[in-house]
Amino acid sequence: MKINADFSSPALRHFDEDGWQPSPSGGVDRIMLDRIGDEVARATSLVRYAPKSRFPEHVHGGGEEYFVLHGVFSDEKGDYPAGTYVRNPIGSRHAPFSAEGCIIWVKLWQFQPDDAAKVVVDTTSIAPAVVRHHLHTHGTEEVYLLRLPAGASHILQAESSGAEVLVLSGSTHLAGKTLTRWSWYRSPRGQNVGLTAGNKGTYLLVKEGHLPATASGPPTL
């Protein structure tokens, strides 16, 4: 399966409440943002857990990164409410579930081989006055939250290794489009990209310096 698999081109997906597709696990649906592979895939997705749903135990052969957008996501290690950012390194495993239901943004099989940090950040206590809040850095990759007031501008540093944005709230004008809550945009290597906050401001999850020139899926057995 290939979805937005050409990493030399920009990719955009607006959130669509009717866009959910069932996963192999009952009660767990997803909106695929980019994907190379089948059930084991290099993938970026929005994933929705219905109340009392769960996903079978699995190993993160290429690592897992996620941000909880709504509700409470859980596994045997703990509960992760909305606003929690997590990185589970290569080789980690868990059996996730949600008692009350949740929505997460998740990336699979995209860690650099030597990025072994386990990261859990509760972002709910970040003061509204903080414009930029660091979440993770490894090599050229940087992950941060960005809060901009109405009309403010920001340059995504995409020239050397690409950039990616998820709108957490508000709206953003970017690449001639208006992105609203849970819209996602990926900019390829080649040039930096300007964005401007909408008339109520914007709150963004941003990744920079992490995209390969070309991407492939996980190795097949």
N, C-alpha and C. Protein backbone atom coordinates (compact mmCIF):
# COMPACT_ATOMS: atom_id res chain seq x y z
N MET A 1 0.85 -1.19 0.00
CA MET A 1 0.00 0.00 0.00
C MET A 1 0.88 1.25 0.00
N LYS A 2 0.56 2.20 -0.85
CA LYS A 2 1.30 3.45 -0.90
C LYS A 2 0.32 4.62 -0.86
N ILE A 3 0.49 5.50 0.13
CA ILE A 3 -0.31 6.71 0.28
C ILE A 3 0.64 7.86 0.55
N ASN A 4 0.60 8.90 -0.28
CA ASN A 4 1.54 10.02 -0.17
C ASN A 4 2.96 9.50 0.00
N ALA A 5 3.33 8.54 -0.83
CA ALA A 5 4.60 7.84 -0.70
C ALA A 5 5.74 8.51 -1.45
N ASP A 6 5.47 9.55 -2.24
CA ASP A 6 6.51 10.29 -2.95
C ASP A 6 7.01 11.40 -2.04
N PHE A 7 8.14 11.18 -1.40
CA PHE A 7 8.65 12.15 -0.42
C PHE A 7 9.35 13.33 -1.07
N SER A 8 9.37 13.36 -2.40
CA SER A 8 9.91 14.54 -3.09
C SER A 8 8.81 15.55 -3.40
N SER A 9 7.56 15.22 -3.04
CA SER A 9 6.42 16.11 -3.29
C SER A 9 5.74 16.46 -1.98
N PRO A 10 5.12 17.65 -1.91
CA PRO A 10 4.36 17.97 -0.70
C PRO A 10 3.13 17.08 -0.57
N ALA A 11 2.66 16.93 0.66
CA ALA A 11 1.46 16.13 0.92
C ALA A 11 0.58 16.87 1.91
N LEU A 12 -0.74 16.82 1.68
CA LEU A 12 -1.70 17.53 2.53
C LEU A 12 -2.91 16.64 2.74
N ARG A 13 -3.39 16.58 3.99
CA ARG A 13 -4.64 15.89 4.28
C ARG A 13 -5.42 16.72 5.29
N HIS A 14 -6.60 17.21 4.86
CA HIS A 14 -7.50 17.89 5.79
C HIS A 14 -8.24 16.84 6.61
N PHE A 15 -8.46 17.14 7.89
CA PHE A 15 -9.23 16.20 8.71
C PHE A 15 -10.66 16.13 8.22
N ASP A 16 -11.16 14.91 8.11
CA ASP A 16 -12.51 14.65 7.63
C ASP A 16 -13.14 13.63 8.56
N GLU A 17 -14.17 14.02 9.28
CA GLU A 17 -14.81 13.12 10.24
C GLU A 17 -15.35 11.87 9.58
N ASP A 18 -15.63 11.94 8.29
CA ASP A 18 -16.13 10.77 7.56
C ASP A 18 -15.01 9.95 6.91
N GLY A 19 -13.76 10.32 7.18
CA GLY A 19 -12.65 9.67 6.50
C GLY A 19 -12.07 8.46 7.21
N TRP A 20 -12.67 8.07 8.34
CA TRP A 20 -12.12 6.95 9.10
C TRP A 20 -12.32 5.62 8.36
N GLN A 21 -11.29 4.78 8.41
CA GLN A 21 -11.35 3.45 7.84
C GLN A 21 -11.04 2.42 8.92
N PRO A 22 -11.72 1.28 8.92
CA PRO A 22 -11.48 0.29 9.98
C PRO A 22 -10.09 -0.33 9.87
N SER A 23 -9.49 -0.59 11.01
CA SER A 23 -8.25 -1.36 11.07
C SER A 23 -8.62 -2.83 11.28
N PRO A 24 -7.65 -3.74 11.28
CA PRO A 24 -7.97 -5.15 11.53
C PRO A 24 -8.48 -5.41 12.94
N SER A 25 -8.29 -4.45 13.86
CA SER A 25 -8.75 -4.63 15.23
C SER A 25 -10.07 -3.89 15.44
N GLY A 26 -11.12 -4.60 15.83
CA GLY A 26 -12.43 -4.00 15.98
C GLY A 26 -12.45 -2.81 16.93
N GLY A 27 -13.13 -1.75 16.54
CA GLY A 27 -13.22 -0.55 17.36
C GLY A 27 -12.07 0.41 17.18
N VAL A 28 -11.07 0.05 16.37
CA VAL A 28 -9.92 0.93 16.10
C VAL A 28 -9.96 1.31 14.63
N ASP A 29 -10.14 2.60 14.36
CA ASP A 29 -10.21 3.13 12.99
C ASP A 29 -9.05 4.08 12.75
N ARG A 30 -8.79 4.39 11.49
CA ARG A 30 -7.66 5.26 11.19
C ARG A 30 -7.90 6.07 9.92
N ILE A 31 -7.23 7.20 9.86
CA ILE A 31 -7.11 8.01 8.65
C ILE A 31 -5.64 7.98 8.27
N MET A 32 -5.33 7.42 7.12
CA MET A 32 -3.94 7.25 6.71
C MET A 32 -3.44 8.54 6.05
N LEU A 33 -2.39 9.10 6.58
CA LEU A 33 -1.82 10.34 6.06
C LEU A 33 -0.70 10.04 5.07
N ASP A 34 0.24 9.20 5.46
CA ASP A 34 1.17 8.63 4.49
C ASP A 34 1.48 7.20 4.91
N ARG A 35 1.83 6.39 3.92
CA ARG A 35 2.00 4.96 4.23
C ARG A 35 2.78 4.28 3.11
N ILE A 36 3.74 3.45 3.52
CA ILE A 36 4.44 2.56 2.61
C ILE A 36 4.51 1.21 3.29
N GLY A 37 3.71 0.26 2.82
CA GLY A 37 3.65 -1.06 3.43
C GLY A 37 2.22 -1.45 3.73
N ASP A 38 2.05 -2.63 4.25
CA ASP A 38 0.70 -3.12 4.55
C ASP A 38 0.42 -2.92 6.04
N GLU A 39 0.13 -3.99 6.80
CA GLU A 39 -0.14 -3.77 8.22
C GLU A 39 1.13 -3.43 8.99
N VAL A 40 2.26 -3.94 8.57
CA VAL A 40 3.55 -3.45 9.07
C VAL A 40 4.04 -2.45 8.06
N ALA A 41 4.10 -1.17 8.43
CA ALA A 41 4.33 -0.12 7.43
C ALA A 41 5.07 1.06 8.04
N ARG A 42 5.81 1.74 7.19
CA ARG A 42 6.22 3.10 7.52
C ARG A 42 4.96 3.95 7.32
N ALA A 43 4.45 4.54 8.41
CA ALA A 43 3.12 5.15 8.32
C ALA A 43 2.99 6.34 9.25
N THR A 44 2.20 7.30 8.79
CA THR A 44 1.72 8.41 9.61
C THR A 44 0.21 8.38 9.53
N SER A 45 -0.46 8.38 10.68
CA SER A 45 -1.91 8.19 10.70
C SER A 45 -2.56 8.95 11.84
N LEU A 46 -3.84 9.23 11.70
CA LEU A 46 -4.70 9.51 12.83
C LEU A 46 -5.40 8.21 13.18
N VAL A 47 -5.44 7.86 14.45
CA VAL A 47 -6.03 6.60 14.89
C VAL A 47 -7.07 6.89 15.97
N ARG A 48 -8.25 6.30 15.80
CA ARG A 48 -9.35 6.51 16.75
C ARG A 48 -9.71 5.18 17.42
N TYR A 49 -9.66 5.20 18.75
CA TYR A 49 -10.07 4.05 19.56
C TYR A 49 -11.47 4.32 20.11
N ALA A 50 -12.40 3.41 19.86
CA ALA A 50 -13.71 3.49 20.49
C ALA A 50 -13.56 3.14 21.98
N PRO A 51 -14.50 3.56 22.83
CA PRO A 51 -14.43 3.17 24.24
C PRO A 51 -14.31 1.66 24.40
N LYS A 52 -13.41 1.25 25.29
CA LYS A 52 -13.17 -0.15 25.63
C LYS A 52 -12.57 -0.96 24.48
N SER A 53 -11.99 -0.30 23.51
CA SER A 53 -11.33 -1.02 22.42
C SER A 53 -9.84 -1.18 22.72
N ARG A 54 -9.22 -2.13 22.04
CA ARG A 54 -7.81 -2.38 22.26
C ARG A 54 -7.17 -2.92 20.98
N PHE A 55 -5.85 -2.86 20.95
CA PHE A 55 -5.09 -3.37 19.81
C PHE A 55 -4.16 -4.46 20.34
N PRO A 56 -3.98 -5.55 19.60
CA PRO A 56 -3.14 -6.65 20.09
C PRO A 56 -1.71 -6.19 20.39
N GLU A 57 -1.06 -6.89 21.28
CA GLU A 57 0.34 -6.60 21.60
C GLU A 57 1.19 -6.68 20.33
N HIS A 58 2.10 -5.73 20.17
CA HIS A 58 2.96 -5.71 19.00
C HIS A 58 4.29 -5.06 19.34
N VAL A 59 5.28 -5.32 18.49
CA VAL A 59 6.63 -4.78 18.65
C VAL A 59 6.81 -3.63 17.69
N HIS A 60 7.46 -2.58 18.15
CA HIS A 60 7.77 -1.43 17.30
C HIS A 60 9.13 -1.65 16.64
N GLY A 61 9.10 -2.34 15.51
CA GLY A 61 10.36 -2.65 14.84
C GLY A 61 11.10 -1.44 14.34
N GLY A 62 10.38 -0.34 14.09
CA GLY A 62 11.03 0.89 13.65
C GLY A 62 10.71 2.07 14.55
N GLY A 63 10.24 1.79 15.77
CA GLY A 63 9.89 2.86 16.71
C GLY A 63 8.47 3.36 16.51
N GLU A 64 7.96 4.05 17.52
CA GLU A 64 6.62 4.63 17.49
C GLU A 64 6.65 6.00 18.15
N GLU A 65 6.04 6.96 17.50
CA GLU A 65 5.92 8.33 18.01
C GLU A 65 4.44 8.71 17.95
N TYR A 66 3.89 9.26 19.04
CA TYR A 66 2.49 9.66 18.97
C TYR A 66 2.19 10.85 19.87
N PHE A 67 1.09 11.52 19.53
CA PHE A 67 0.58 12.64 20.31
C PHE A 67 -0.91 12.39 20.52
N VAL A 68 -1.36 12.44 21.77
CA VAL A 68 -2.76 12.17 22.07
C VAL A 68 -3.56 13.46 21.85
N LEU A 69 -4.51 13.39 20.93
CA LEU A 69 -5.30 14.56 20.55
C LEU A 69 -6.59 14.68 21.35
N HIS A 70 -7.16 13.55 21.74
CA HIS A 70 -8.46 13.57 22.41
C HIS A 70 -8.60 12.31 23.26
N GLY A 71 -9.20 12.43 24.44
CA GLY A 71 -9.44 11.28 25.28
C GLY A 71 -8.19 10.81 26.01
N VAL A 72 -8.17 9.52 26.38
CA VAL A 72 -7.05 8.93 27.10
C VAL A 72 -6.63 7.64 26.41
N PHE A 73 -5.37 7.60 25.99
CA PHE A 73 -4.77 6.42 25.37
C PHE A 73 -4.00 5.69 26.46
N SER A 74 -4.03 4.36 26.47
CA SER A 74 -3.41 3.61 27.57
C SER A 74 -2.67 2.39 27.05
N ASP A 75 -1.72 1.92 27.85
CA ASP A 75 -1.14 0.60 27.67
C ASP A 75 -0.77 0.08 29.05
N GLU A 76 -0.07 -1.05 29.11
CA GLU A 76 0.25 -1.65 30.40
C GLU A 76 1.21 -0.81 31.22
N LYS A 77 1.82 0.21 30.61
CA LYS A 77 2.76 1.07 31.33
C LYS A 77 2.10 2.31 31.92
N GLY A 78 0.86 2.64 31.48
CA GLY A 78 0.21 3.81 32.05
C GLY A 78 -0.87 4.39 31.16
N ASP A 79 -1.39 5.52 31.60
CA ASP A 79 -2.43 6.25 30.88
C ASP A 79 -1.84 7.54 30.34
N TYR A 80 -2.25 7.91 29.11
CA TYR A 80 -1.70 9.08 28.44
C TYR A 80 -2.86 9.96 27.95
N PRO A 81 -3.20 10.99 28.72
CA PRO A 81 -4.35 11.83 28.35
C PRO A 81 -4.01 12.78 27.21
N ALA A 82 -5.05 13.43 26.68
CA ALA A 82 -4.87 14.41 25.60
C ALA A 82 -3.78 15.40 25.97
N GLY A 83 -2.91 15.68 25.00
CA GLY A 83 -1.79 16.58 25.24
C GLY A 83 -0.49 15.87 25.58
N THR A 84 -0.49 14.52 25.60
CA THR A 84 0.73 13.77 25.91
C THR A 84 1.47 13.41 24.63
N TYR A 85 2.77 13.65 24.63
CA TYR A 85 3.65 13.29 23.52
C TYR A 85 4.53 12.13 23.97
N VAL A 86 4.62 11.06 23.14
CA VAL A 86 5.34 9.85 23.52
C VAL A 86 6.20 9.36 22.36
N ARG A 87 7.39 8.88 22.69
CA ARG A 87 8.25 8.16 21.75
C ARG A 87 8.62 6.82 22.37
N ASN A 88 8.24 5.73 21.71
CA ASN A 88 8.61 4.38 22.12
C ASN A 88 9.69 3.89 21.17
N PRO A 89 10.89 3.62 21.67
CA PRO A 89 12.02 3.34 20.77
C PRO A 89 11.92 2.01 20.04
N ILE A 90 12.82 1.82 19.11
CA ILE A 90 12.89 0.59 18.33
C ILE A 90 13.02 -0.61 19.27
N GLY A 91 12.20 -1.63 19.01
CA GLY A 91 12.23 -2.84 19.81
C GLY A 91 11.28 -2.85 20.99
N SER A 92 10.67 -1.71 21.31
CA SER A 92 9.69 -1.68 22.41
C SER A 92 8.42 -2.40 21.98
N ARG A 93 7.61 -2.77 22.97
CA ARG A 93 6.36 -3.46 22.67
C ARG A 93 5.31 -3.02 23.67
N HIS A 94 4.05 -3.08 23.26
CA HIS A 94 2.94 -2.84 24.17
C HIS A 94 1.64 -3.37 23.57
N ALA A 95 0.60 -3.36 24.41
CA ALA A 95 -0.75 -3.76 24.00
C ALA A 95 -1.68 -2.60 24.32
N PRO A 96 -1.85 -1.64 23.41
CA PRO A 96 -2.59 -0.41 23.73
C PRO A 96 -4.10 -0.62 23.78
N PHE A 97 -4.76 0.28 24.52
CA PHE A 97 -6.22 0.24 24.63
C PHE A 97 -6.70 1.62 25.07
N SER A 98 -8.00 1.80 25.08
CA SER A 98 -8.58 3.04 25.59
C SER A 98 -9.89 2.72 26.28
N ALA A 99 -9.99 3.03 27.56
CA ALA A 99 -11.21 2.77 28.32
C ALA A 99 -12.34 3.71 27.90
N GLU A 100 -12.01 4.98 27.67
CA GLU A 100 -13.04 5.98 27.37
C GLU A 100 -13.08 6.37 25.90
N GLY A 101 -12.12 5.89 25.11
CA GLY A 101 -12.00 6.28 23.71
C GLY A 101 -10.98 7.40 23.56
N CYS A 102 -10.35 7.47 22.41
CA CYS A 102 -9.34 8.49 22.18
C CYS A 102 -9.05 8.62 20.69
N ILE A 103 -8.32 9.70 20.36
CA ILE A 103 -7.77 9.90 19.02
C ILE A 103 -6.31 10.27 19.19
N ILE A 104 -5.43 9.62 18.44
CA ILE A 104 -4.01 9.93 18.48
C ILE A 104 -3.49 10.16 17.07
N TRP A 105 -2.44 10.95 16.96
CA TRP A 105 -1.62 11.07 15.75
C TRP A 105 -0.40 10.21 15.99
N VAL A 106 -0.08 9.32 15.05
CA VAL A 106 0.99 8.36 15.31
C VAL A 106 1.85 8.16 14.07
N LYS A 107 3.15 7.99 14.30
CA LYS A 107 4.12 7.67 13.25
C LYS A 107 4.82 6.38 13.62
N LEU A 108 4.93 5.47 12.65
CA LEU A 108 5.54 4.17 12.86
C LEU A 108 6.69 3.94 11.88
N TRP A 109 7.70 3.26 12.37
CA TRP A 109 8.84 2.83 11.56
C TRP A 109 9.59 4.02 10.95
N GLN A 110 9.82 5.05 11.76
CA GLN A 110 10.48 6.24 11.23
C GLN A 110 11.61 6.75 12.11
N PHE A 111 12.04 5.94 13.11
CA PHE A 111 13.14 6.36 13.98
C PHE A 111 14.48 6.15 13.30
N GLN A 112 15.44 7.02 13.61
CA GLN A 112 16.82 6.76 13.25
C GLN A 112 17.32 5.61 14.13
N PRO A 113 18.15 4.71 13.58
CA PRO A 113 18.54 3.50 14.32
C PRO A 113 19.16 3.76 15.68
N ASP A 114 19.86 4.87 15.86
CA ASP A 114 20.52 5.14 17.14
C ASP A 114 19.70 6.04 18.06
N ASP A 115 18.45 6.30 17.71
CA ASP A 115 17.57 7.12 18.56
C ASP A 115 16.84 6.19 19.52
N ALA A 116 17.42 5.99 20.71
CA ALA A 116 16.91 4.99 21.65
C ALA A 116 16.20 5.62 22.85
N ALA A 117 15.92 6.90 22.80
CA ALA A 117 15.32 7.58 23.96
C ALA A 117 13.85 7.24 24.10
N LYS A 118 13.45 6.88 25.31
CA LYS A 118 12.03 6.79 25.66
C LYS A 118 11.61 8.18 26.13
N VAL A 119 10.56 8.73 25.51
CA VAL A 119 10.14 10.10 25.81
C VAL A 119 8.66 10.11 26.15
N VAL A 120 8.30 10.73 27.26
CA VAL A 120 6.91 10.99 27.61
C VAL A 120 6.83 12.42 28.13
N VAL A 121 6.06 13.27 27.44
CA VAL A 121 5.94 14.68 27.82
C VAL A 121 4.47 15.04 27.97
N ASP A 122 4.09 15.51 29.15
CA ASP A 122 2.74 16.05 29.36
C ASP A 122 2.79 17.53 29.01
N THR A 123 2.15 17.89 27.91
CA THR A 123 2.25 19.27 27.42
C THR A 123 1.13 20.16 27.95
N THR A 124 0.24 19.63 28.77
CA THR A 124 -0.94 20.39 29.17
C THR A 124 -0.61 21.54 30.12
N SER A 125 0.57 21.50 30.74
CA SER A 125 0.93 22.56 31.68
C SER A 125 1.73 23.68 31.03
N ILE A 126 1.94 23.61 29.72
CA ILE A 126 2.71 24.67 29.05
C ILE A 126 1.91 25.98 29.09
N ALA A 127 2.54 27.02 29.56
CA ALA A 127 1.85 28.31 29.68
C ALA A 127 1.48 28.85 28.30
N PRO A 128 0.31 29.48 28.16
CA PRO A 128 -0.10 30.02 26.86
C PRO A 128 0.88 31.04 26.29
N ALA A 129 1.68 31.65 27.15
CA ALA A 129 2.63 32.66 26.68
C ALA A 129 3.85 32.04 25.99
N VAL A 130 4.05 30.74 26.16
CA VAL A 130 5.20 30.08 25.54
C VAL A 130 4.93 29.88 24.06
N VAL A 131 5.78 30.46 23.22
CA VAL A 131 5.58 30.38 21.77
C VAL A 131 6.07 29.05 21.23
N ARG A 132 7.22 28.61 21.70
CA ARG A 132 7.83 27.39 21.16
C ARG A 132 8.27 26.51 22.31
N HIS A 133 7.87 25.24 22.28
CA HIS A 133 8.21 24.31 23.36
C HIS A 133 8.85 23.07 22.76
N HIS A 134 10.09 22.81 23.16
CA HIS A 134 10.85 21.68 22.64
C HIS A 134 10.30 20.36 23.17
N LEU A 135 10.20 19.36 22.29
CA LEU A 135 9.77 18.02 22.69
C LEU A 135 10.87 16.97 22.53
N HIS A 136 11.62 17.04 21.42
CA HIS A 136 12.64 16.02 21.17
C HIS A 136 13.59 16.49 20.09
N THR A 137 14.88 16.15 20.26
CA THR A 137 15.89 16.40 19.23
C THR A 137 16.79 15.18 19.13
N HIS A 138 17.08 14.78 17.91
CA HIS A 138 18.06 13.72 17.69
C HIS A 138 18.66 13.94 16.30
N GLY A 139 19.97 14.13 16.25
CA GLY A 139 20.61 14.43 14.97
C GLY A 139 20.01 15.68 14.38
N THR A 140 19.56 15.60 13.13
CA THR A 140 18.95 16.76 12.48
C THR A 140 17.46 16.90 12.80
N GLU A 141 16.87 15.88 13.44
CA GLU A 141 15.43 15.91 13.72
C GLU A 141 15.13 16.77 14.94
N GLU A 142 14.13 17.63 14.80
CA GLU A 142 13.64 18.42 15.93
C GLU A 142 12.12 18.38 15.93
N VAL A 143 11.54 18.17 17.12
CA VAL A 143 10.09 18.13 17.30
C VAL A 143 9.73 19.19 18.34
N TYR A 144 8.75 20.03 18.01
CA TYR A 144 8.38 21.08 18.95
C TYR A 144 6.92 21.49 18.76
N LEU A 145 6.38 22.12 19.78
CA LEU A 145 5.07 22.74 19.71
C LEU A 145 5.25 24.22 19.42
N LEU A 146 4.36 24.77 18.60
CA LEU A 146 4.45 26.17 18.20
C LEU A 146 3.09 26.83 18.36
N ARG A 147 3.05 27.91 19.12
CA ARG A 147 1.81 28.66 19.33
C ARG A 147 2.00 30.06 18.75
N LEU A 148 1.11 30.45 17.82
CA LEU A 148 1.22 31.76 17.17
C LEU A 148 -0.10 32.52 17.32
N PRO A 149 -0.03 33.83 17.63
CA PRO A 149 -1.25 34.64 17.65
C PRO A 149 -1.74 34.92 16.23
N ALA A 150 -2.93 35.44 16.12
CA ALA A 150 -3.53 35.73 14.81
C ALA A 150 -2.60 36.55 13.95
N GLY A 151 -2.39 36.11 12.72
CA GLY A 151 -1.60 36.85 11.75
C GLY A 151 -0.11 36.68 11.87
N ALA A 152 0.39 36.02 12.91
CA ALA A 152 1.83 35.84 13.07
C ALA A 152 2.36 34.82 12.06
N SER A 153 3.62 34.98 11.69
CA SER A 153 4.22 34.11 10.68
C SER A 153 5.36 33.29 11.26
N HIS A 154 5.69 32.21 10.56
CA HIS A 154 6.78 31.32 10.97
C HIS A 154 7.33 30.64 9.73
N ILE A 155 8.63 30.39 9.71
CA ILE A 155 9.26 29.70 8.59
C ILE A 155 9.60 28.27 9.00
N LEU A 156 9.04 27.29 8.31
CA LEU A 156 9.40 25.90 8.52
C LEU A 156 10.75 25.63 7.87
N GLN A 157 11.66 25.04 8.62
CA GLN A 157 13.00 24.76 8.12
C GLN A 157 13.00 23.42 7.38
N ALA A 158 12.54 23.47 6.13
CA ALA A 158 12.37 22.25 5.33
C ALA A 158 13.47 22.05 4.31
N GLU A 159 14.36 23.01 4.14
CA GLU A 159 15.29 22.98 3.01
C GLU A 159 16.20 21.75 3.02
N SER A 160 16.78 21.41 4.18
CA SER A 160 17.76 20.33 4.20
C SER A 160 17.13 18.95 4.33
N SER A 161 16.11 18.79 5.21
CA SER A 161 15.56 17.46 5.46
C SER A 161 14.05 17.46 5.67
N GLY A 162 13.36 18.40 5.06
CA GLY A 162 11.91 18.39 5.08
C GLY A 162 11.29 18.85 6.39
N ALA A 163 9.97 18.96 6.41
CA ALA A 163 9.24 19.39 7.60
C ALA A 163 7.82 18.85 7.53
N GLU A 164 7.17 18.84 8.68
CA GLU A 164 5.84 18.27 8.81
C GLU A 164 5.09 19.04 9.88
N VAL A 165 3.79 19.28 9.66
CA VAL A 165 2.98 20.07 10.59
C VAL A 165 1.65 19.37 10.82
N LEU A 166 1.22 19.33 12.08
CA LEU A 166 -0.13 18.91 12.44
C LEU A 166 -0.77 20.06 13.21
N VAL A 167 -1.95 20.50 12.76
CA VAL A 167 -2.65 21.59 13.44
C VAL A 167 -3.39 21.02 14.64
N LEU A 168 -3.04 21.48 15.83
CA LEU A 168 -3.70 21.01 17.05
C LEU A 168 -4.95 21.83 17.35
N SER A 169 -4.90 23.12 17.06
CA SER A 169 -6.08 23.97 17.22
C SER A 169 -5.89 25.24 16.40
N GLY A 170 -6.99 25.96 16.18
CA GLY A 170 -6.93 27.16 15.36
C GLY A 170 -6.80 26.81 13.89
N SER A 171 -6.23 27.73 13.14
CA SER A 171 -6.04 27.51 11.70
C SER A 171 -4.73 28.13 11.25
N THR A 172 -4.25 27.63 10.11
CA THR A 172 -2.95 28.03 9.58
C THR A 172 -3.05 28.17 8.06
N HIS A 173 -2.50 29.24 7.52
CA HIS A 173 -2.40 29.41 6.07
C HIS A 173 -1.00 28.97 5.64
N LEU A 174 -0.96 27.98 4.75
CA LEU A 174 0.31 27.38 4.39
C LEU A 174 0.22 26.82 2.99
N ALA A 175 1.20 27.13 2.15
CA ALA A 175 1.26 26.62 0.77
C ALA A 175 -0.02 26.90 0.00
N GLY A 176 -0.62 28.08 0.25
CA GLY A 176 -1.82 28.46 -0.48
C GLY A 176 -3.09 27.80 0.01
N LYS A 177 -3.01 27.06 1.13
CA LYS A 177 -4.17 26.37 1.68
C LYS A 177 -4.42 26.84 3.11
N THR A 178 -5.66 26.66 3.57
CA THR A 178 -5.98 26.90 4.97
C THR A 178 -6.16 25.57 5.67
N LEU A 179 -5.35 25.32 6.69
CA LEU A 179 -5.40 24.10 7.45
C LEU A 179 -6.09 24.38 8.78
N THR A 180 -7.08 23.56 9.12
CA THR A 180 -7.79 23.69 10.38
C THR A 180 -7.44 22.51 11.29
N ARG A 181 -8.15 22.38 12.40
CA ARG A 181 -7.80 21.39 13.42
C ARG A 181 -7.60 19.99 12.84
N TRP A 182 -6.47 19.40 13.18
CA TRP A 182 -6.04 18.06 12.82
C TRP A 182 -5.74 17.89 11.34
N SER A 183 -5.60 19.01 10.62
CA SER A 183 -5.08 18.93 9.26
C SER A 183 -3.57 18.68 9.34
N TRP A 184 -3.05 18.03 8.31
CA TRP A 184 -1.64 17.62 8.30
C TRP A 184 -1.00 18.01 6.97
N TYR A 185 0.25 18.48 7.06
CA TYR A 185 0.99 18.88 5.86
C TYR A 185 2.43 18.40 5.99
N ARG A 186 2.98 17.87 4.87
CA ARG A 186 4.37 17.45 4.82
C ARG A 186 5.07 18.17 3.69
N SER A 187 6.15 18.86 4.00
CA SER A 187 6.92 19.58 2.99
C SER A 187 8.20 18.81 2.68
N PRO A 188 8.51 18.58 1.42
CA PRO A 188 9.73 17.83 1.08
C PRO A 188 10.98 18.67 1.28
N ARG A 189 12.12 18.04 1.13
CA ARG A 189 13.38 18.78 1.11
C ARG A 189 13.37 19.75 -0.06
N GLY A 190 14.13 20.81 0.04
CA GLY A 190 14.31 21.68 -1.11
C GLY A 190 14.15 23.15 -0.83
N GLN A 191 13.17 23.51 -0.01
CA GLN A 191 13.01 24.92 0.31
C GLN A 191 12.25 25.09 1.61
N ASN A 192 12.55 26.16 2.31
CA ASN A 192 11.82 26.48 3.52
C ASN A 192 10.41 26.95 3.16
N VAL A 193 9.48 26.81 4.08
CA VAL A 193 8.07 27.09 3.81
C VAL A 193 7.53 28.05 4.87
N GLY A 194 6.87 29.11 4.44
CA GLY A 194 6.27 30.05 5.36
C GLY A 194 4.83 29.67 5.70
N LEU A 195 4.45 29.91 6.94
CA LEU A 195 3.05 29.73 7.34
C LEU A 195 2.62 30.95 8.14
N THR A 196 1.30 31.19 8.14
CA THR A 196 0.73 32.33 8.86
C THR A 196 -0.48 31.85 9.65
N ALA A 197 -0.56 32.28 10.92
CA ALA A 197 -1.67 31.88 11.77
C ALA A 197 -2.97 32.53 11.30
N GLY A 198 -4.08 31.82 11.45
CA GLY A 198 -5.40 32.34 11.10
C GLY A 198 -5.88 33.38 12.08
N ASN A 199 -7.15 33.79 11.92
CA ASN A 199 -7.64 34.94 12.69
C ASN A 199 -7.91 34.63 14.16
N LYS A 200 -7.79 33.39 14.57
CA LYS A 200 -7.89 33.05 15.99
C LYS A 200 -6.58 32.45 16.52
N GLY A 201 -5.51 32.60 15.74
CA GLY A 201 -4.24 32.02 16.13
C GLY A 201 -4.17 30.55 15.77
N THR A 202 -3.04 29.93 16.12
CA THR A 202 -2.86 28.52 15.81
C THR A 202 -1.92 27.87 16.81
N TYR A 203 -2.10 26.57 17.00
CA TYR A 203 -1.24 25.77 17.88
C TYR A 203 -0.86 24.55 17.07
N LEU A 204 0.45 24.31 16.89
CA LEU A 204 0.94 23.32 15.94
C LEU A 204 1.92 22.36 16.58
N LEU A 205 1.90 21.13 16.10
CA LEU A 205 2.98 20.18 16.34
C LEU A 205 3.84 20.18 15.09
N VAL A 206 5.13 20.45 15.25
CA VAL A 206 6.03 20.62 14.11
C VAL A 206 7.19 19.64 14.22
N LYS A 207 7.53 19.02 13.08
CA LYS A 207 8.74 18.21 12.97
C LYS A 207 9.57 18.75 11.82
N GLU A 208 10.87 18.88 12.06
CA GLU A 208 11.78 19.36 11.02
C GLU A 208 13.02 18.47 11.00
N GLY A 209 13.64 18.37 9.81
CA GLY A 209 14.92 17.70 9.68
C GLY A 209 14.88 16.19 9.79
N HIS A 210 13.72 15.58 9.49
CA HIS A 210 13.57 14.14 9.73
C HIS A 210 13.24 13.32 8.49
N LEU A 211 13.01 13.97 7.35
CA LEU A 211 12.53 13.25 6.18
C LEU A 211 13.68 12.83 5.27
N PRO A 212 13.67 11.57 4.81
CA PRO A 212 14.68 11.14 3.85
C PRO A 212 14.39 11.70 2.47
N ALA A 213 15.40 11.68 1.60
CA ALA A 213 15.17 12.11 0.23
C ALA A 213 14.16 11.20 -0.46
N THR A 214 14.27 9.91 -0.21
CA THR A 214 13.28 8.92 -0.66
C THR A 214 12.98 8.03 0.53
N ALA A 215 11.79 7.47 0.55
CA ALA A 215 11.38 6.64 1.68
C ALA A 215 10.99 5.26 1.20
N SER A 216 11.24 4.27 2.05
CA SER A 216 10.81 2.91 1.75
C SER A 216 10.13 2.34 2.98
N GLY A 217 9.37 1.28 2.77
CA GLY A 217 8.68 0.65 3.88
C GLY A 217 9.60 -0.24 4.68
N PRO A 218 9.07 -0.88 5.74
CA PRO A 218 9.86 -1.80 6.55
C PRO A 218 10.36 -2.97 5.72
N PRO A 219 11.45 -3.61 6.14
CA PRO A 219 11.90 -4.80 5.41
C PRO A 219 10.87 -5.90 5.49
N THR A 220 10.70 -6.65 4.42
CA THR A 220 9.76 -7.77 4.40
C THR A 220 10.48 -9.06 4.76
N LEU A 221 9.76 -9.93 5.44
CA LEU A 221 10.35 -11.20 5.86
C LEU A 221 10.23 -12.26 4.77
